[in-house]
Amino acid sequence: MMSSHSNESNAIEVNGIRFETVINDRTVVMPPYEPRAEVQVGCGIRLTNMAETAQSVWLYSMHPEFRDATNQLVPGRMVGADRRVKPNLSNLKILQSGESALFICQCTFLWWNNLVRCAFTEKSGNIWAYADLNPDLYSIQFVYNSTLRQQEWFWKFLSIEDRTSLGQAAAVWTGEVTTSPIQFRIVTDVT
């Protein structure tokens, strides 16, 4: 299991689910400049069911937002998608009261033309890119969404057996949340 740092004191609770930003390393140490040198950092959201009854959550769609040391949003955009990736039963988690699930993806920090860039691939296959992340202090937060339209789309990819077994499952959480930011630092290894 991944050890992760969170901002639990700044967790956001919406409709019975608590959302916390997590990152497994608050210091990203970039190796000395070498084309295509990269560092992978696990980050994402811890979702905790705070309701008295079970709730289901889709662990499929989220993307990060980065802010620099002056709290300015770092431009990022979706640059592609792997359309071979389809939702499956493992993307749906049923959380009992008090139970948590980690929704973790990899941020890949890499050198590109003497600047640090970040690539983030969602479990949905969407690929996000963020440019010009020089060594400095940053914060990361996530936009998580689960809409009725998405849920209808997800169900199309589940087998009849999976749909039948989920027929008695807890209601799926619906909404959009932007998690609280958590700080991390990008540094250059000078050795």
N, C-alpha and C. Protein backbone atom coordinates (compact mmCIF):
# COMPACT_ATOMS: atom_id res chain seq x y z
N MET A 1 0.83 -1.18 0.00
CA MET A 1 0.00 0.00 0.00
C MET A 1 0.87 1.23 0.00
N MET A 2 0.45 2.24 -0.73
CA MET A 2 1.21 3.46 -0.87
C MET A 2 1.11 4.29 0.40
N SER A 3 2.24 4.75 0.90
CA SER A 3 2.23 5.71 1.99
C SER A 3 1.97 7.08 1.36
N SER A 4 1.06 7.82 1.94
CA SER A 4 0.74 9.10 1.32
C SER A 4 0.53 10.17 2.36
N HIS A 5 0.85 11.39 1.97
CA HIS A 5 0.62 12.55 2.80
C HIS A 5 -0.69 13.18 2.35
N SER A 6 -1.48 13.66 3.29
CA SER A 6 -2.73 14.32 2.91
C SER A 6 -2.89 15.60 3.71
N ASN A 7 -3.94 16.29 3.37
CA ASN A 7 -4.28 17.51 4.08
C ASN A 7 -5.58 17.27 4.84
N GLU A 8 -5.62 16.17 5.62
CA GLU A 8 -6.85 15.72 6.25
C GLU A 8 -7.58 16.85 6.98
N SER A 9 -6.84 17.78 7.59
CA SER A 9 -7.50 18.86 8.31
C SER A 9 -8.27 19.78 7.34
N ASN A 10 -7.95 19.72 6.07
CA ASN A 10 -8.63 20.53 5.06
C ASN A 10 -9.52 19.69 4.16
N ALA A 11 -9.91 18.52 4.62
CA ALA A 11 -10.76 17.65 3.81
C ALA A 11 -12.10 18.33 3.55
N ILE A 12 -12.68 18.00 2.41
CA ILE A 12 -13.97 18.55 2.02
C ILE A 12 -14.98 17.41 2.06
N GLU A 13 -16.12 17.65 2.70
CA GLU A 13 -17.18 16.65 2.72
C GLU A 13 -18.36 17.16 1.92
N VAL A 14 -18.81 16.34 0.96
CA VAL A 14 -19.95 16.70 0.11
C VAL A 14 -20.88 15.49 0.04
N ASN A 15 -22.12 15.69 0.43
CA ASN A 15 -23.14 14.63 0.36
C ASN A 15 -22.68 13.30 0.96
N GLY A 16 -22.03 13.39 2.12
CA GLY A 16 -21.66 12.18 2.84
C GLY A 16 -20.34 11.55 2.45
N ILE A 17 -19.62 12.12 1.48
CA ILE A 17 -18.30 11.61 1.11
C ILE A 17 -17.26 12.69 1.43
N ARG A 18 -16.20 12.28 2.14
CA ARG A 18 -15.09 13.20 2.43
C ARG A 18 -13.99 12.99 1.39
N PHE A 19 -13.51 14.07 0.83
CA PHE A 19 -12.49 14.05 -0.22
C PHE A 19 -11.22 14.70 0.31
N GLU A 20 -10.09 14.00 0.18
CA GLU A 20 -8.79 14.53 0.62
C GLU A 20 -7.77 14.35 -0.50
N THR A 21 -7.00 15.39 -0.76
CA THR A 21 -5.89 15.29 -1.70
C THR A 21 -4.76 14.52 -1.03
N VAL A 22 -4.16 13.57 -1.76
CA VAL A 22 -3.01 12.82 -1.24
C VAL A 22 -1.89 12.82 -2.27
N ILE A 23 -0.67 12.76 -1.77
CA ILE A 23 0.51 12.67 -2.63
C ILE A 23 1.54 11.83 -1.88
N ASN A 24 2.23 10.93 -2.58
CA ASN A 24 3.13 10.03 -1.87
C ASN A 24 4.49 10.63 -1.60
N ASP A 25 4.82 11.76 -2.20
CA ASP A 25 6.10 12.40 -1.92
C ASP A 25 5.93 13.90 -2.08
N ARG A 26 6.13 14.65 -1.03
CA ARG A 26 5.92 16.10 -1.07
C ARG A 26 7.14 16.83 -1.64
N THR A 27 8.22 16.10 -1.93
CA THR A 27 9.38 16.69 -2.61
C THR A 27 9.68 15.85 -3.84
N VAL A 28 9.56 16.47 -5.01
CA VAL A 28 9.86 15.81 -6.28
C VAL A 28 11.30 16.19 -6.63
N VAL A 29 12.20 15.21 -6.58
CA VAL A 29 13.61 15.47 -6.85
C VAL A 29 13.89 15.09 -8.30
N MET A 30 14.08 16.11 -9.13
CA MET A 30 14.40 15.88 -10.54
C MET A 30 15.89 15.59 -10.67
N PRO A 31 16.25 14.56 -11.45
CA PRO A 31 17.67 14.29 -11.67
C PRO A 31 18.28 15.44 -12.46
N PRO A 32 19.62 15.52 -12.48
CA PRO A 32 20.24 16.56 -13.31
C PRO A 32 19.69 16.46 -14.73
N TYR A 33 19.67 17.60 -15.42
CA TYR A 33 19.04 17.63 -16.73
C TYR A 33 19.60 16.55 -17.64
N GLU A 34 18.69 15.76 -18.15
CA GLU A 34 18.98 14.75 -19.14
C GLU A 34 17.69 14.60 -19.94
N PRO A 35 17.77 14.75 -21.26
CA PRO A 35 16.53 14.64 -22.04
C PRO A 35 15.75 13.38 -21.69
N ARG A 36 14.48 13.56 -21.45
CA ARG A 36 13.53 12.49 -21.15
C ARG A 36 13.72 11.85 -19.77
N ALA A 37 14.57 12.44 -18.92
CA ALA A 37 14.67 11.94 -17.54
C ALA A 37 13.34 12.26 -16.85
N GLU A 38 12.83 11.31 -16.08
CA GLU A 38 11.51 11.52 -15.47
C GLU A 38 11.44 10.96 -14.06
N VAL A 39 10.47 11.48 -13.32
CA VAL A 39 10.19 11.02 -11.96
C VAL A 39 8.69 10.81 -11.85
N GLN A 40 8.27 9.66 -11.34
CA GLN A 40 6.84 9.40 -11.18
C GLN A 40 6.45 9.57 -9.72
N VAL A 41 5.32 10.24 -9.51
CA VAL A 41 4.80 10.50 -8.18
C VAL A 41 3.33 10.08 -8.15
N GLY A 42 2.96 9.23 -7.20
CA GLY A 42 1.57 8.84 -7.04
C GLY A 42 0.81 9.93 -6.30
N CYS A 43 -0.33 10.29 -6.83
CA CYS A 43 -1.15 11.32 -6.18
C CYS A 43 -2.61 11.10 -6.56
N GLY A 44 -3.49 11.69 -5.78
CA GLY A 44 -4.91 11.51 -6.07
C GLY A 44 -5.78 11.92 -4.91
N ILE A 45 -6.82 11.12 -4.68
CA ILE A 45 -7.84 11.47 -3.69
C ILE A 45 -8.12 10.27 -2.79
N ARG A 46 -8.26 10.54 -1.50
CA ARG A 46 -8.79 9.55 -0.57
C ARG A 46 -10.26 9.90 -0.37
N LEU A 47 -11.17 8.96 -0.66
CA LEU A 47 -12.60 9.17 -0.48
C LEU A 47 -13.05 8.35 0.72
N THR A 48 -13.75 8.97 1.65
CA THR A 48 -14.22 8.30 2.86
C THR A 48 -15.72 8.50 2.98
N ASN A 49 -16.43 7.40 3.19
CA ASN A 49 -17.88 7.47 3.36
C ASN A 49 -18.18 7.91 4.80
N MET A 50 -18.70 9.11 4.95
CA MET A 50 -19.05 9.66 6.26
C MET A 50 -20.52 9.45 6.58
N ALA A 51 -21.29 8.91 5.64
CA ALA A 51 -22.72 8.68 5.85
C ALA A 51 -22.92 7.42 6.70
N GLU A 52 -24.11 7.28 7.21
CA GLU A 52 -24.42 6.10 8.03
C GLU A 52 -24.73 4.87 7.19
N THR A 53 -24.99 5.06 5.89
CA THR A 53 -25.29 3.95 5.00
C THR A 53 -24.20 3.83 3.93
N ALA A 54 -24.15 2.68 3.29
CA ALA A 54 -23.15 2.44 2.24
C ALA A 54 -23.40 3.37 1.05
N GLN A 55 -22.29 3.78 0.41
CA GLN A 55 -22.36 4.57 -0.82
C GLN A 55 -21.33 4.01 -1.79
N SER A 56 -21.63 4.09 -3.07
CA SER A 56 -20.70 3.65 -4.10
C SER A 56 -20.05 4.88 -4.75
N VAL A 57 -18.79 4.72 -5.16
CA VAL A 57 -18.08 5.79 -5.86
C VAL A 57 -17.36 5.19 -7.06
N TRP A 58 -17.34 5.96 -8.16
CA TRP A 58 -16.58 5.56 -9.35
C TRP A 58 -15.16 6.10 -9.20
N LEU A 59 -14.17 5.25 -9.31
CA LEU A 59 -12.77 5.66 -9.29
C LEU A 59 -12.28 5.63 -10.74
N TYR A 60 -12.69 6.64 -11.48
CA TYR A 60 -12.44 6.61 -12.92
C TYR A 60 -12.01 7.95 -13.50
N SER A 61 -12.59 9.04 -13.05
CA SER A 61 -12.37 10.32 -13.71
C SER A 61 -12.01 11.42 -12.72
N MET A 62 -10.78 11.92 -12.83
CA MET A 62 -10.32 13.08 -12.07
C MET A 62 -9.12 13.66 -12.80
N HIS A 63 -8.86 14.92 -12.61
CA HIS A 63 -7.64 15.50 -13.14
C HIS A 63 -7.09 16.53 -12.16
N PRO A 64 -5.77 16.73 -12.18
CA PRO A 64 -5.17 17.66 -11.23
C PRO A 64 -5.22 19.10 -11.71
N GLU A 65 -5.13 19.99 -10.76
CA GLU A 65 -4.88 21.41 -11.01
C GLU A 65 -3.66 21.78 -10.17
N PHE A 66 -2.73 22.46 -10.80
CA PHE A 66 -1.52 22.91 -10.12
C PHE A 66 -1.58 24.42 -9.95
N ARG A 67 -1.06 24.91 -8.83
CA ARG A 67 -0.90 26.34 -8.59
C ARG A 67 0.55 26.58 -8.19
N ASP A 68 1.09 27.72 -8.66
CA ASP A 68 2.48 28.04 -8.33
C ASP A 68 2.57 28.70 -6.96
N ALA A 69 3.77 29.14 -6.58
CA ALA A 69 4.00 29.70 -5.25
C ALA A 69 3.20 30.98 -5.02
N THR A 70 2.76 31.66 -6.10
CA THR A 70 1.95 32.88 -5.95
C THR A 70 0.46 32.57 -6.07
N ASN A 71 0.10 31.28 -6.04
CA ASN A 71 -1.28 30.78 -6.12
C ASN A 71 -1.92 30.99 -7.49
N GLN A 72 -1.09 31.19 -8.53
CA GLN A 72 -1.60 31.31 -9.89
C GLN A 72 -1.75 29.91 -10.48
N LEU A 73 -2.87 29.70 -11.18
CA LEU A 73 -3.14 28.42 -11.81
C LEU A 73 -2.11 28.16 -12.91
N VAL A 74 -1.48 26.99 -12.88
CA VAL A 74 -0.53 26.59 -13.92
C VAL A 74 -1.36 26.06 -15.09
N PRO A 75 -1.17 26.62 -16.28
CA PRO A 75 -1.97 26.16 -17.41
C PRO A 75 -1.77 24.66 -17.68
N GLY A 76 -2.87 24.00 -17.89
CA GLY A 76 -2.84 22.58 -18.23
C GLY A 76 -3.98 22.29 -19.19
N ARG A 77 -3.82 21.23 -19.96
CA ARG A 77 -4.89 20.89 -20.90
C ARG A 77 -4.84 19.40 -21.19
N MET A 78 -5.99 18.90 -21.62
CA MET A 78 -6.05 17.51 -22.04
C MET A 78 -5.43 17.43 -23.43
N VAL A 79 -4.43 16.57 -23.57
CA VAL A 79 -3.70 16.50 -24.83
C VAL A 79 -3.95 15.22 -25.61
N GLY A 80 -4.72 14.33 -25.04
CA GLY A 80 -5.01 13.09 -25.75
C GLY A 80 -5.76 12.13 -24.86
N ALA A 81 -6.07 10.99 -25.42
CA ALA A 81 -6.79 9.97 -24.67
C ALA A 81 -6.52 8.61 -25.28
N ASP A 82 -6.41 7.63 -24.41
CA ASP A 82 -6.30 6.24 -24.83
C ASP A 82 -7.71 5.68 -24.84
N ARG A 83 -8.33 5.63 -26.01
CA ARG A 83 -9.73 5.21 -26.11
C ARG A 83 -9.92 3.70 -25.94
N ARG A 84 -8.80 2.98 -25.80
CA ARG A 84 -8.93 1.54 -25.51
C ARG A 84 -9.32 1.31 -24.06
N VAL A 85 -9.11 2.33 -23.20
CA VAL A 85 -9.43 2.20 -21.78
C VAL A 85 -10.93 2.36 -21.59
N LYS A 86 -11.55 1.36 -20.99
CA LYS A 86 -12.99 1.38 -20.73
C LYS A 86 -13.23 1.10 -19.26
N PRO A 87 -14.30 1.63 -18.70
CA PRO A 87 -14.59 1.34 -17.29
C PRO A 87 -14.90 -0.13 -17.09
N ASN A 88 -14.58 -0.60 -15.89
CA ASN A 88 -14.93 -1.98 -15.53
C ASN A 88 -15.34 -2.01 -14.06
N LEU A 89 -15.74 -3.17 -13.62
CA LEU A 89 -16.27 -3.31 -12.27
C LEU A 89 -15.28 -2.87 -11.20
N SER A 90 -13.99 -3.01 -11.45
CA SER A 90 -13.00 -2.61 -10.44
C SER A 90 -12.98 -1.09 -10.23
N ASN A 91 -13.57 -0.32 -11.14
CA ASN A 91 -13.63 1.13 -10.98
C ASN A 91 -14.74 1.58 -10.03
N LEU A 92 -15.62 0.67 -9.67
CA LEU A 92 -16.73 1.01 -8.77
C LEU A 92 -16.42 0.44 -7.39
N LYS A 93 -16.39 1.30 -6.38
CA LYS A 93 -16.11 0.87 -5.01
C LYS A 93 -17.33 1.13 -4.16
N ILE A 94 -17.76 0.12 -3.42
CA ILE A 94 -18.85 0.27 -2.46
C ILE A 94 -18.20 0.51 -1.11
N LEU A 95 -18.47 1.68 -0.53
CA LEU A 95 -17.87 2.05 0.74
C LEU A 95 -18.91 1.95 1.85
N GLN A 96 -18.63 1.14 2.84
CA GLN A 96 -19.48 1.09 4.03
C GLN A 96 -19.21 2.35 4.85
N SER A 97 -20.06 2.64 5.80
CA SER A 97 -19.89 3.82 6.65
C SER A 97 -18.50 3.79 7.30
N GLY A 98 -17.76 4.89 7.15
CA GLY A 98 -16.42 5.00 7.72
C GLY A 98 -15.31 4.41 6.87
N GLU A 99 -15.64 3.71 5.80
CA GLU A 99 -14.65 3.07 4.94
C GLU A 99 -14.09 4.06 3.92
N SER A 100 -12.80 3.87 3.56
CA SER A 100 -12.13 4.75 2.60
C SER A 100 -11.62 3.97 1.40
N ALA A 101 -11.40 4.68 0.32
CA ALA A 101 -10.76 4.13 -0.88
C ALA A 101 -9.78 5.17 -1.40
N LEU A 102 -8.62 4.72 -1.88
CA LEU A 102 -7.67 5.63 -2.51
C LEU A 102 -7.86 5.58 -4.02
N PHE A 103 -7.92 6.74 -4.63
CA PHE A 103 -8.03 6.89 -6.08
C PHE A 103 -6.72 7.54 -6.52
N ILE A 104 -5.74 6.70 -6.87
CA ILE A 104 -4.38 7.16 -7.13
C ILE A 104 -4.03 6.97 -8.60
N CYS A 105 -3.41 8.00 -9.18
CA CYS A 105 -2.85 7.92 -10.53
C CYS A 105 -1.41 8.43 -10.45
N GLN A 106 -0.67 8.27 -11.53
CA GLN A 106 0.72 8.71 -11.57
C GLN A 106 0.86 10.05 -12.27
N CYS A 107 1.58 10.96 -11.63
CA CYS A 107 2.04 12.18 -12.28
C CYS A 107 3.48 11.89 -12.71
N THR A 108 3.78 12.11 -13.97
CA THR A 108 5.14 11.91 -14.47
C THR A 108 5.75 13.27 -14.73
N PHE A 109 6.77 13.62 -13.93
CA PHE A 109 7.50 14.87 -14.12
C PHE A 109 8.72 14.55 -14.98
N LEU A 110 8.94 15.35 -16.03
CA LEU A 110 10.03 15.06 -16.95
C LEU A 110 10.65 16.34 -17.47
N TRP A 111 11.93 16.20 -17.86
CA TRP A 111 12.63 17.33 -18.48
C TRP A 111 12.22 17.42 -19.94
N TRP A 112 11.97 18.64 -20.39
CA TRP A 112 11.64 18.88 -21.80
C TRP A 112 12.16 20.27 -22.14
N ASN A 113 13.16 20.35 -23.01
CA ASN A 113 13.74 21.65 -23.40
C ASN A 113 14.15 22.47 -22.18
N ASN A 114 14.86 21.84 -21.26
CA ASN A 114 15.38 22.47 -20.04
C ASN A 114 14.31 22.94 -19.06
N LEU A 115 13.08 22.52 -19.22
CA LEU A 115 12.01 22.85 -18.29
C LEU A 115 11.36 21.56 -17.80
N VAL A 116 10.77 21.63 -16.61
CA VAL A 116 10.06 20.47 -16.07
C VAL A 116 8.61 20.54 -16.55
N ARG A 117 8.12 19.44 -17.06
CA ARG A 117 6.72 19.31 -17.45
C ARG A 117 6.11 18.15 -16.68
N CYS A 118 4.79 18.12 -16.65
CA CYS A 118 4.10 17.05 -15.96
C CYS A 118 3.06 16.45 -16.88
N ALA A 119 3.02 15.13 -16.94
CA ALA A 119 1.99 14.40 -17.67
C ALA A 119 1.21 13.58 -16.65
N PHE A 120 -0.11 13.61 -16.76
CA PHE A 120 -0.98 12.90 -15.83
C PHE A 120 -2.00 12.12 -16.65
N THR A 121 -2.07 10.81 -16.43
CA THR A 121 -3.02 9.97 -17.14
C THR A 121 -4.10 9.51 -16.17
N GLU A 122 -5.35 9.88 -16.47
CA GLU A 122 -6.49 9.44 -15.66
C GLU A 122 -6.72 7.96 -15.89
N LYS A 123 -7.43 7.31 -14.98
CA LYS A 123 -7.82 5.91 -15.19
C LYS A 123 -8.73 5.79 -16.40
N SER A 124 -9.37 6.90 -16.80
CA SER A 124 -10.24 6.91 -17.97
C SER A 124 -9.45 6.92 -19.27
N GLY A 125 -8.13 7.12 -19.18
CA GLY A 125 -7.30 7.18 -20.38
C GLY A 125 -7.01 8.59 -20.84
N ASN A 126 -7.70 9.59 -20.29
CA ASN A 126 -7.43 10.98 -20.66
C ASN A 126 -6.04 11.37 -20.17
N ILE A 127 -5.30 12.09 -21.02
CA ILE A 127 -3.93 12.50 -20.70
C ILE A 127 -3.89 14.01 -20.60
N TRP A 128 -3.41 14.51 -19.46
CA TRP A 128 -3.30 15.94 -19.20
C TRP A 128 -1.83 16.33 -19.19
N ALA A 129 -1.52 17.55 -19.67
CA ALA A 129 -0.14 18.03 -19.69
C ALA A 129 -0.07 19.41 -19.07
N TYR A 130 1.00 19.62 -18.32
CA TYR A 130 1.26 20.90 -17.64
C TYR A 130 2.71 21.27 -17.94
N ALA A 131 2.93 22.50 -18.41
CA ALA A 131 4.26 22.90 -18.86
C ALA A 131 4.89 23.90 -17.89
N ASP A 132 6.18 24.08 -18.05
CA ASP A 132 6.94 25.13 -17.38
C ASP A 132 6.84 25.10 -15.87
N LEU A 133 7.05 23.91 -15.30
CA LEU A 133 7.09 23.77 -13.85
C LEU A 133 8.55 23.81 -13.41
N ASN A 134 9.08 25.01 -13.20
CA ASN A 134 10.46 25.15 -12.76
C ASN A 134 10.57 24.72 -11.31
N PRO A 135 11.77 24.35 -10.85
CA PRO A 135 11.92 24.01 -9.44
C PRO A 135 11.40 25.14 -8.55
N ASP A 136 10.43 24.82 -7.69
CA ASP A 136 9.79 25.81 -6.83
C ASP A 136 8.73 25.11 -5.99
N LEU A 137 7.99 25.88 -5.21
CA LEU A 137 6.88 25.38 -4.40
C LEU A 137 5.60 25.45 -5.22
N TYR A 138 4.80 24.37 -5.17
CA TYR A 138 3.54 24.29 -5.89
C TYR A 138 2.48 23.69 -4.97
N SER A 139 1.24 23.76 -5.40
CA SER A 139 0.18 23.00 -4.74
C SER A 139 -0.56 22.22 -5.81
N ILE A 140 -1.15 21.12 -5.38
CA ILE A 140 -1.93 20.28 -6.27
C ILE A 140 -3.29 20.01 -5.62
N GLN A 141 -4.31 20.02 -6.43
CA GLN A 141 -5.66 19.64 -6.01
C GLN A 141 -6.29 18.91 -7.18
N PHE A 142 -7.42 18.25 -6.93
CA PHE A 142 -8.03 17.45 -7.98
C PHE A 142 -9.48 17.84 -8.20
N VAL A 143 -9.90 17.75 -9.45
CA VAL A 143 -11.31 17.91 -9.81
C VAL A 143 -11.83 16.50 -10.05
N TYR A 144 -12.79 16.10 -9.23
CA TYR A 144 -13.41 14.77 -9.31
C TYR A 144 -14.86 14.97 -9.71
N ASN A 145 -15.33 14.20 -10.68
CA ASN A 145 -16.74 14.31 -11.01
C ASN A 145 -17.34 12.94 -11.32
N SER A 146 -18.61 12.84 -11.00
CA SER A 146 -19.38 11.63 -11.25
C SER A 146 -20.81 12.09 -11.55
N THR A 147 -21.12 12.17 -12.84
CA THR A 147 -22.44 12.65 -13.25
C THR A 147 -23.34 11.48 -13.63
N LEU A 148 -24.63 11.73 -13.66
CA LEU A 148 -25.56 10.68 -14.08
C LEU A 148 -25.27 10.24 -15.50
N ARG A 149 -24.91 11.19 -16.37
CA ARG A 149 -24.59 10.85 -17.76
C ARG A 149 -23.38 9.91 -17.83
N GLN A 150 -22.34 10.21 -17.03
CA GLN A 150 -21.17 9.33 -16.98
C GLN A 150 -21.56 7.94 -16.49
N GLN A 151 -22.39 7.89 -15.45
CA GLN A 151 -22.78 6.61 -14.88
C GLN A 151 -23.53 5.76 -15.90
N GLU A 152 -24.41 6.38 -16.67
CA GLU A 152 -25.12 5.65 -17.72
C GLU A 152 -24.12 5.09 -18.73
N TRP A 153 -23.12 5.88 -19.08
CA TRP A 153 -22.09 5.46 -20.02
C TRP A 153 -21.29 4.30 -19.42
N PHE A 154 -20.90 4.38 -18.13
CA PHE A 154 -20.14 3.32 -17.48
C PHE A 154 -20.88 1.99 -17.54
N TRP A 155 -22.20 2.04 -17.25
CA TRP A 155 -22.99 0.81 -17.21
C TRP A 155 -22.97 0.07 -18.54
N LYS A 156 -22.83 0.79 -19.65
CA LYS A 156 -22.81 0.15 -20.97
C LYS A 156 -21.64 -0.82 -21.12
N PHE A 157 -20.55 -0.57 -20.38
CA PHE A 157 -19.36 -1.39 -20.54
C PHE A 157 -19.30 -2.56 -19.57
N LEU A 158 -20.23 -2.61 -18.63
CA LEU A 158 -20.25 -3.72 -17.69
C LEU A 158 -21.00 -4.90 -18.28
N SER A 159 -20.56 -6.09 -17.93
CA SER A 159 -21.23 -7.29 -18.42
C SER A 159 -22.61 -7.42 -17.76
N ILE A 160 -23.45 -8.24 -18.34
CA ILE A 160 -24.78 -8.47 -17.76
C ILE A 160 -24.64 -9.05 -16.36
N GLU A 161 -23.67 -9.95 -16.17
CA GLU A 161 -23.45 -10.54 -14.85
C GLU A 161 -23.06 -9.46 -13.84
N ASP A 162 -22.16 -8.54 -14.25
CA ASP A 162 -21.74 -7.47 -13.34
C ASP A 162 -22.91 -6.55 -13.01
N ARG A 163 -23.69 -6.20 -14.02
CA ARG A 163 -24.85 -5.33 -13.78
C ARG A 163 -25.84 -6.00 -12.82
N THR A 164 -26.04 -7.29 -13.00
CA THR A 164 -26.97 -8.03 -12.13
C THR A 164 -26.44 -8.05 -10.70
N SER A 165 -25.14 -8.32 -10.54
CA SER A 165 -24.57 -8.38 -9.18
C SER A 165 -24.60 -7.02 -8.50
N LEU A 166 -24.57 -5.95 -9.28
CA LEU A 166 -24.62 -4.61 -8.72
C LEU A 166 -26.05 -4.09 -8.54
N GLY A 167 -27.01 -4.86 -8.97
CA GLY A 167 -28.39 -4.41 -8.87
C GLY A 167 -28.80 -4.03 -7.47
N GLN A 168 -28.21 -4.67 -6.47
CA GLN A 168 -28.52 -4.37 -5.07
C GLN A 168 -27.47 -3.47 -4.44
N ALA A 169 -26.55 -2.95 -5.24
CA ALA A 169 -25.46 -2.13 -4.69
C ALA A 169 -25.98 -0.79 -4.18
N ALA A 170 -25.16 -0.19 -3.34
CA ALA A 170 -25.48 1.12 -2.78
C ALA A 170 -25.55 2.16 -3.89
N ALA A 171 -26.32 3.21 -3.64
CA ALA A 171 -26.45 4.30 -4.61
C ALA A 171 -25.07 4.88 -4.94
N VAL A 172 -24.88 5.27 -6.19
CA VAL A 172 -23.61 5.84 -6.62
C VAL A 172 -23.62 7.34 -6.34
N TRP A 173 -22.54 7.82 -5.70
CA TRP A 173 -22.40 9.23 -5.38
C TRP A 173 -22.35 10.02 -6.69
N THR A 174 -23.07 11.13 -6.74
CA THR A 174 -23.11 11.98 -7.92
C THR A 174 -22.75 13.40 -7.52
N GLY A 175 -21.90 14.03 -8.33
CA GLY A 175 -21.53 15.42 -8.08
C GLY A 175 -20.16 15.73 -8.62
N GLU A 176 -19.71 16.97 -8.35
CA GLU A 176 -18.37 17.40 -8.73
C GLU A 176 -17.74 18.09 -7.54
N VAL A 177 -16.48 17.79 -7.30
CA VAL A 177 -15.76 18.35 -6.16
C VAL A 177 -14.37 18.76 -6.62
N THR A 178 -13.91 19.90 -6.13
CA THR A 178 -12.51 20.28 -6.26
C THR A 178 -11.92 20.16 -4.86
N THR A 179 -10.93 19.29 -4.72
CA THR A 179 -10.35 19.02 -3.41
C THR A 179 -9.52 20.21 -2.93
N SER A 180 -9.24 20.22 -1.64
CA SER A 180 -8.35 21.25 -1.09
C SER A 180 -6.93 20.99 -1.57
N PRO A 181 -6.16 22.06 -1.77
CA PRO A 181 -4.79 21.88 -2.26
C PRO A 181 -3.86 21.36 -1.18
N ILE A 182 -2.82 20.70 -1.63
CA ILE A 182 -1.74 20.25 -0.75
C ILE A 182 -0.43 20.68 -1.43
N GLN A 183 0.52 21.17 -0.63
CA GLN A 183 1.75 21.70 -1.20
C GLN A 183 2.79 20.61 -1.43
N PHE A 184 3.60 20.83 -2.45
CA PHE A 184 4.76 19.99 -2.71
C PHE A 184 5.81 20.87 -3.37
N ARG A 185 7.02 20.37 -3.42
CA ARG A 185 8.14 21.16 -3.96
C ARG A 185 8.84 20.35 -5.04
N ILE A 186 9.22 21.02 -6.12
CA ILE A 186 10.06 20.43 -7.15
C ILE A 186 11.46 20.98 -6.94
N VAL A 187 12.44 20.09 -6.80
CA VAL A 187 13.82 20.50 -6.63
C VAL A 187 14.67 19.76 -7.65
N THR A 188 15.85 20.31 -7.92
CA THR A 188 16.78 19.69 -8.85
C THR A 188 17.90 19.04 -8.05
N ASP A 189 18.17 17.79 -8.36
CA ASP A 189 19.26 17.07 -7.73
C ASP A 189 20.57 17.59 -8.32
N VAL A 190 21.44 18.16 -7.50
CA VAL A 190 22.67 18.76 -8.00
C VAL A 190 23.86 17.83 -7.86
N THR A 191 23.63 16.59 -7.44
CA THR A 191 24.78 15.66 -7.28
C THR A 191 25.15 15.04 -8.58
